[in-house]
Amino acid sequence: MIRSIIIAVTVLMAAVLFIGCQVGPNLSPMQLRQLTTRTIEGSYENVFKATMTVLQDQGYIIKNTDMNSGLLVAAVDRQANAFATILSGDLSTSVELTSTVNKINATSQDLRINIQETNFTRGAWGSTDKSVTPIYDEKIYQGLFNQILTEVKRREALQK
């Protein structure tokens, strides 16, 4: 009886780990750029500040900004709940996002966003292991770009 329970738990844990370790599709550099970059109509400053506002609205903590280079770095940490810790050994997850705004002209900017997730898990003998996975979910990127575009338009309307 105990042996069958141990086998069942082991199989369940292996399935959870296998599902959690799958990496996104293999994309070419050009496909990655198409996924992670959009041209936004608006001033450079407006696009930069709108991106920062949307990320803060999403719960990200702004870690670094440089308006001259267009770089913005933000992160959000999530603690795993007790159930996830017991089943998979997950301790926490950190999502880091970088964005760059590149000026095309006075009214058009290229915005590129990259997202990666770091999972911290219990390792052998009490150590902590981490795995870093890039995020390539089209829905996530499209949602962020739509929110940023909406914020750019809102800011423009306030400036008139």
C-alpha atoms as a PDB file:
ATOM      1  CA  MET A   1       0.000   0.000   0.000  1.00  0.00           C
ATOM      2  CA  ILE A   2       2.699   2.497   1.010  1.00  0.00           C
ATOM      3  CA  ARG A   3       4.808   1.413  -1.949  1.00  0.00           C
ATOM      4  CA  SER A   4       1.959   2.128  -4.397  1.00  0.00           C
ATOM      5  CA  ILE A   5       1.420   5.576  -2.807  1.00  0.00           C
ATOM      6  CA  ILE A   6       5.132   6.361  -3.183  1.00  0.00           C
ATOM      7  CA  ILE A   7       5.051   5.266  -6.822  1.00  0.00           C
ATOM      8  CA  ALA A   8       1.928   7.350  -7.507  1.00  0.00           C
ATOM      9  CA  VAL A   9       3.456  10.460  -5.894  1.00  0.00           C
ATOM     10  CA  THR A  10       6.710   9.940  -7.826  1.00  0.00           C
ATOM     11  CA  VAL A  11       4.852   9.627 -11.139  1.00  0.00           C
ATOM     12  CA  LEU A  12       2.771  12.732 -10.337  1.00  0.00           C
ATOM     13  CA  MET A  13       5.867  14.757  -9.444  1.00  0.00           C
ATOM     14  CA  ALA A  14       7.649  13.624 -12.618  1.00  0.00           C
ATOM     15  CA  ALA A  15       4.635  14.657 -14.714  1.00  0.00           C
ATOM     16  CA  VAL A  16       4.503  18.086 -13.041  1.00  0.00           C
ATOM     17  CA  LEU A  17       8.233  18.607 -13.566  1.00  0.00           C
ATOM     18  CA  PHE A  18       8.048  17.474 -17.202  1.00  0.00           C
ATOM     19  CA  ILE A  19       5.141  19.813 -17.978  1.00  0.00           C
ATOM     20  CA  GLY A  20       6.834  22.702 -16.162  1.00  0.00           C
ATOM     21  CA  CYS A  21      10.128  22.241 -18.020  1.00  0.00           C
ATOM     22  CA  GLN A  22       8.806  22.508 -21.536  1.00  0.00           C
ATOM     23  CA  VAL A  23      10.355  25.421 -23.388  1.00  0.00           C
ATOM     24  CA  GLY A  24       8.548  27.567 -25.938  1.00  0.00           C
ATOM     25  CA  PRO A  25       8.722  26.875 -29.636  1.00  0.00           C
ATOM     26  CA  ASN A  26      11.989  27.199 -31.506  1.00  0.00           C
ATOM     27  CA  LEU A  27      11.776  30.554 -33.210  1.00  0.00           C
ATOM     28  CA  SER A  28      14.228  32.193 -35.571  1.00  0.00           C
ATOM     29  CA  PRO A  29      15.703  35.550 -34.562  1.00  0.00           C
ATOM     30  CA  MET A  30      13.398  37.286 -37.066  1.00  0.00           C
ATOM     31  CA  GLN A  31      10.319  35.498 -35.670  1.00  0.00           C
ATOM     32  CA  LEU A  32      11.362  36.510 -32.150  1.00  0.00           C
ATOM     33  CA  ARG A  33      11.714  40.117 -33.258  1.00  0.00           C
ATOM     34  CA  GLN A  34       8.260  40.042 -34.859  1.00  0.00           C
ATOM     35  CA  LEU A  35       6.786  38.646 -31.651  1.00  0.00           C
ATOM     36  CA  THR A  36       8.511  41.061 -29.291  1.00  0.00           C
ATOM     37  CA  THR A  37       8.557  44.335 -31.273  1.00  0.00           C
ATOM     38  CA  ARG A  38       5.848  46.789 -32.324  1.00  0.00           C
ATOM     39  CA  THR A  39       5.901  50.215 -33.919  1.00  0.00           C
ATOM     40  CA  ILE A  40       3.933  52.602 -31.723  1.00  0.00           C
ATOM     41  CA  GLU A  41       2.637  55.928 -33.007  1.00  0.00           C
ATOM     42  CA  GLY A  42       3.538  58.584 -30.451  1.00  0.00           C
ATOM     43  CA  SER A  43       6.433  60.663 -29.215  1.00  0.00           C
ATOM     44  CA  TYR A  44       9.513  58.965 -27.798  1.00  0.00           C
ATOM     45  CA  GLU A  45       8.894  60.325 -24.295  1.00  0.00           C
ATOM     46  CA  ASN A  46       5.222  59.365 -24.381  1.00  0.00           C
ATOM     47  CA  VAL A  47       5.913  55.765 -25.444  1.00  0.00           C
ATOM     48  CA  PHE A  48       8.651  55.408 -22.817  1.00  0.00           C
ATOM     49  CA  LYS A  49       6.479  56.759 -19.995  1.00  0.00           C
ATOM     50  CA  ALA A  50       3.398  54.818 -21.141  1.00  0.00           C
ATOM     51  CA  THR A  51       5.422  51.591 -21.048  1.00  0.00           C
ATOM     52  CA  MET A  52       6.557  52.365 -17.514  1.00  0.00           C
ATOM     53  CA  THR A  53       2.985  53.146 -16.413  1.00  0.00           C
ATOM     54  CA  VAL A  54       1.556  49.925 -17.858  1.00  0.00           C
ATOM     55  CA  LEU A  55       4.255  47.805 -16.227  1.00  0.00           C
ATOM     56  CA  GLN A  56       3.577  49.425 -12.860  1.00  0.00           C
ATOM     57  CA  ASP A  57      -0.153  48.794 -13.383  1.00  0.00           C
ATOM     58  CA  GLN A  58       0.711  45.121 -13.949  1.00  0.00           C
ATOM     59  CA  GLY A  59       2.504  44.932 -10.595  1.00  0.00           C
ATOM     60  CA  TYR A  60       6.058  45.196 -11.890  1.00  0.00           C
ATOM     61  CA  ILE A  61       8.653  47.054  -9.841  1.00  0.00           C
ATOM     62  CA  ILE A  62      10.771  49.321 -12.015  1.00  0.00           C
ATOM     63  CA  LYS A  63      14.402  48.354 -11.372  1.00  0.00           C
ATOM     64  CA  ASN A  64      16.216  50.582 -13.870  1.00  0.00           C
ATOM     65  CA  THR A  65      15.414  53.202 -16.481  1.00  0.00           C
ATOM     66  CA  ASP A  66      17.511  55.153 -18.934  1.00  0.00           C
ATOM     67  CA  MET A  67      15.512  57.493 -21.104  1.00  0.00           C
ATOM     68  CA  ASN A  68      18.532  58.295 -23.320  1.00  0.00           C
ATOM     69  CA  SER A  69      18.942  54.681 -24.426  1.00  0.00           C
ATOM     70  CA  GLY A  70      15.244  53.819 -24.066  1.00  0.00           C
ATOM     71  CA  LEU A  71      15.988  50.982 -21.640  1.00  0.00           C
ATOM     72  CA  LEU A  72      13.530  50.013 -18.950  1.00  0.00           C
ATOM     73  CA  VAL A  73      14.018  47.006 -16.639  1.00  0.00           C
ATOM     74  CA  ALA A  74      11.215  45.771 -14.389  1.00  0.00           C
ATOM     75  CA  ALA A  75      10.519  42.680 -12.301  1.00  0.00           C
ATOM     76  CA  VAL A  76       7.774  41.065 -10.308  1.00  0.00           C
ATOM     77  CA  ASP A  77       8.292  38.321  -7.726  1.00  0.00           C
ATOM     78  CA  ARG A  78       5.726  35.718  -6.757  1.00  0.00           C
ATOM     79  CA  GLN A  79       5.970  33.437  -3.753  1.00  0.00           C
ATOM     80  CA  ALA A  80       4.778  29.895  -4.358  1.00  0.00           C
ATOM     81  CA  ASN A  81       1.873  28.704  -2.247  1.00  0.00           C
ATOM     82  CA  ALA A  82       2.358  25.828   0.169  1.00  0.00           C
ATOM     83  CA  PHE A  83       0.644  23.317  -2.158  1.00  0.00           C
ATOM     84  CA  ALA A  84       2.978  24.161  -5.079  1.00  0.00           C
ATOM     85  CA  THR A  85       5.996  23.950  -2.794  1.00  0.00           C
ATOM     86  CA  ILE A  86       5.015  20.478  -1.607  1.00  0.00           C
ATOM     87  CA  LEU A  87       4.157  19.096  -5.067  1.00  0.00           C
ATOM     88  CA  SER A  88       6.882  20.588  -7.218  1.00  0.00           C
ATOM     89  CA  GLY A  89       9.415  22.058  -4.835  1.00  0.00           C
ATOM     90  CA  ASP A  90       8.826  25.564  -6.248  1.00  0.00           C
ATOM     91  CA  LEU A  91       9.836  28.255  -3.788  1.00  0.00           C
ATOM     92  CA  SER A  92       9.219  31.369  -5.850  1.00  0.00           C
ATOM     93  CA  THR A  93       9.104  32.763  -9.349  1.00  0.00           C
ATOM     94  CA  SER A  94      10.577  36.008 -10.604  1.00  0.00           C
ATOM     95  CA  VAL A  95       9.512  37.528 -13.912  1.00  0.00           C
ATOM     96  CA  GLU A  96      11.904  40.065 -15.404  1.00  0.00           C
ATOM     97  CA  LEU A  97      10.972  42.275 -18.303  1.00  0.00           C
ATOM     98  CA  THR A  98      13.201  44.543 -20.346  1.00  0.00           C
ATOM     99  CA  SER A  99      11.958  47.005 -22.900  1.00  0.00           C
ATOM    100  CA  THR A 100      13.709  49.347 -25.263  1.00  0.00           C
ATOM    101  CA  VAL A 101      12.214  52.275 -27.110  1.00  0.00           C
ATOM    102  CA  ASN A 102      14.011  53.129 -30.357  1.00  0.00           C
ATOM    103  CA  LYS A 103      13.181  56.378 -32.093  1.00  0.00           C
ATOM    104  CA  ILE A 104      12.189  56.025 -35.734  1.00  0.00           C
ATOM    105  CA  ASN A 105      11.043  59.622 -36.164  1.00  0.00           C
ATOM    106  CA  ALA A 106       9.204  62.292 -34.144  1.00  0.00           C
ATOM    107  CA  THR A 107       5.907  60.374 -34.185  1.00  0.00           C
ATOM    108  CA  SER A 108       6.884  56.679 -34.473  1.00  0.00           C
ATOM    109  CA  GLN A 109       8.868  54.505 -32.073  1.00  0.00           C
ATOM    110  CA  ASP A 110       9.868  50.866 -32.113  1.00  0.00           C
ATOM    111  CA  LEU A 111       9.124  49.208 -28.765  1.00  0.00           C
ATOM    112  CA  ARG A 112      10.760  45.871 -28.029  1.00  0.00           C
ATOM    113  CA  ILE A 113       9.892  43.829 -24.955  1.00  0.00           C
ATOM    114  CA  ASN A 114      11.626  40.699 -23.686  1.00  0.00           C
ATOM    115  CA  ILE A 115      10.318  38.629 -20.788  1.00  0.00           C
ATOM    116  CA  GLN A 116      11.954  35.807 -18.869  1.00  0.00           C
ATOM    117  CA  GLU A 117      10.808  33.779 -15.902  1.00  0.00           C
ATOM    118  CA  THR A 118      13.134  32.461 -13.208  1.00  0.00           C
ATOM    119  CA  ASN A 119      11.881  29.611 -11.021  1.00  0.00           C
ATOM    120  CA  PHE A 120      13.594  28.936  -7.718  1.00  0.00           C
ATOM    121  CA  THR A 121      13.156  25.382  -6.450  1.00  0.00           C
ATOM    122  CA  ARG A 122      14.477  23.243  -3.643  1.00  0.00           C
ATOM    123  CA  GLY A 123      17.554  21.370  -4.707  1.00  0.00           C
ATOM    124  CA  ALA A 124      19.364  18.491  -3.101  1.00  0.00           C
ATOM    125  CA  TRP A 125      20.395  18.826   0.519  1.00  0.00           C
ATOM    126  CA  GLY A 126      18.587  22.108   1.093  1.00  0.00           C
ATOM    127  CA  SER A 127      20.203  23.989  -1.774  1.00  0.00           C
ATOM    128  CA  THR A 128      18.240  26.259  -4.089  1.00  0.00           C
ATOM    129  CA  ASP A 129      18.197  25.637  -7.825  1.00  0.00           C
ATOM    130  CA  LYS A 130      17.042  28.118 -10.426  1.00  0.00           C
ATOM    131  CA  SER A 131      15.894  27.738 -13.994  1.00  0.00           C
ATOM    132  CA  VAL A 132      15.464  30.624 -16.413  1.00  0.00           C
ATOM    133  CA  THR A 133      12.912  30.378 -19.210  1.00  0.00           C
ATOM    134  CA  PRO A 134      12.247  33.011 -21.872  1.00  0.00           C
ATOM    135  CA  ILE A 135       8.547  33.738 -22.368  1.00  0.00           C
ATOM    136  CA  TYR A 136       7.310  33.561 -25.966  1.00  0.00           C
ATOM    137  CA  ASP A 137       3.536  33.652 -25.447  1.00  0.00           C
ATOM    138  CA  GLU A 138       2.017  35.783 -28.213  1.00  0.00           C
ATOM    139  CA  LYS A 139      -1.053  36.612 -26.100  1.00  0.00           C
ATOM    140  CA  ILE A 140       1.103  38.101 -23.332  1.00  0.00           C
ATOM    141  CA  TYR A 141       3.021  40.319 -25.747  1.00  0.00           C
ATOM    142  CA  GLN A 142      -0.086  41.367 -27.663  1.00  0.00           C
ATOM    143  CA  GLY A 143      -1.843  42.248 -24.398  1.00  0.00           C
ATOM    144  CA  LEU A 144       1.081  44.380 -23.226  1.00  0.00           C
ATOM    145  CA  PHE A 145       1.403  46.175 -26.567  1.00  0.00           C
ATOM    146  CA  ASN A 146      -2.351  46.885 -26.634  1.00  0.00           C
ATOM    147  CA  GLN A 147      -2.272  48.308 -23.099  1.00  0.00           C
ATOM    148  CA  ILE A 148       0.758  50.457 -23.908  1.00  0.00           C
ATOM    149  CA  LEU A 149      -0.871  51.773 -27.082  1.00  0.00           C
ATOM    150  CA  THR A 150      -4.006  52.637 -25.088  1.00  0.00           C
ATOM    151  CA  GLU A 151      -1.892  54.458 -22.487  1.00  0.00           C
ATOM    152  CA  VAL A 152      -0.042  56.397 -25.226  1.00  0.00           C
ATOM    153  CA  LYS A 153      -3.383  57.546 -26.663  1.00  0.00           C
ATOM    154  CA  ARG A 154      -4.667  58.462 -23.184  1.00  0.00           C
ATOM    155  CA  ARG A 155      -1.573  60.556 -22.525  1.00  0.00           C
ATOM    156  CA  GLU A 156      -1.893  62.290 -25.893  1.00  0.00           C
ATOM    157  CA  ALA A 157      -5.517  63.167 -25.172  1.00  0.00           C
ATOM    158  CA  LEU A 158      -4.501  64.709 -21.830  1.00  0.00           C
ATOM    159  CA  GLN A 159      -1.847  66.856 -23.514  1.00  0.00           C
ATOM    160  CA  LYS A 160      -4.332  68.510 -25.872  1.00  0.00           C
END
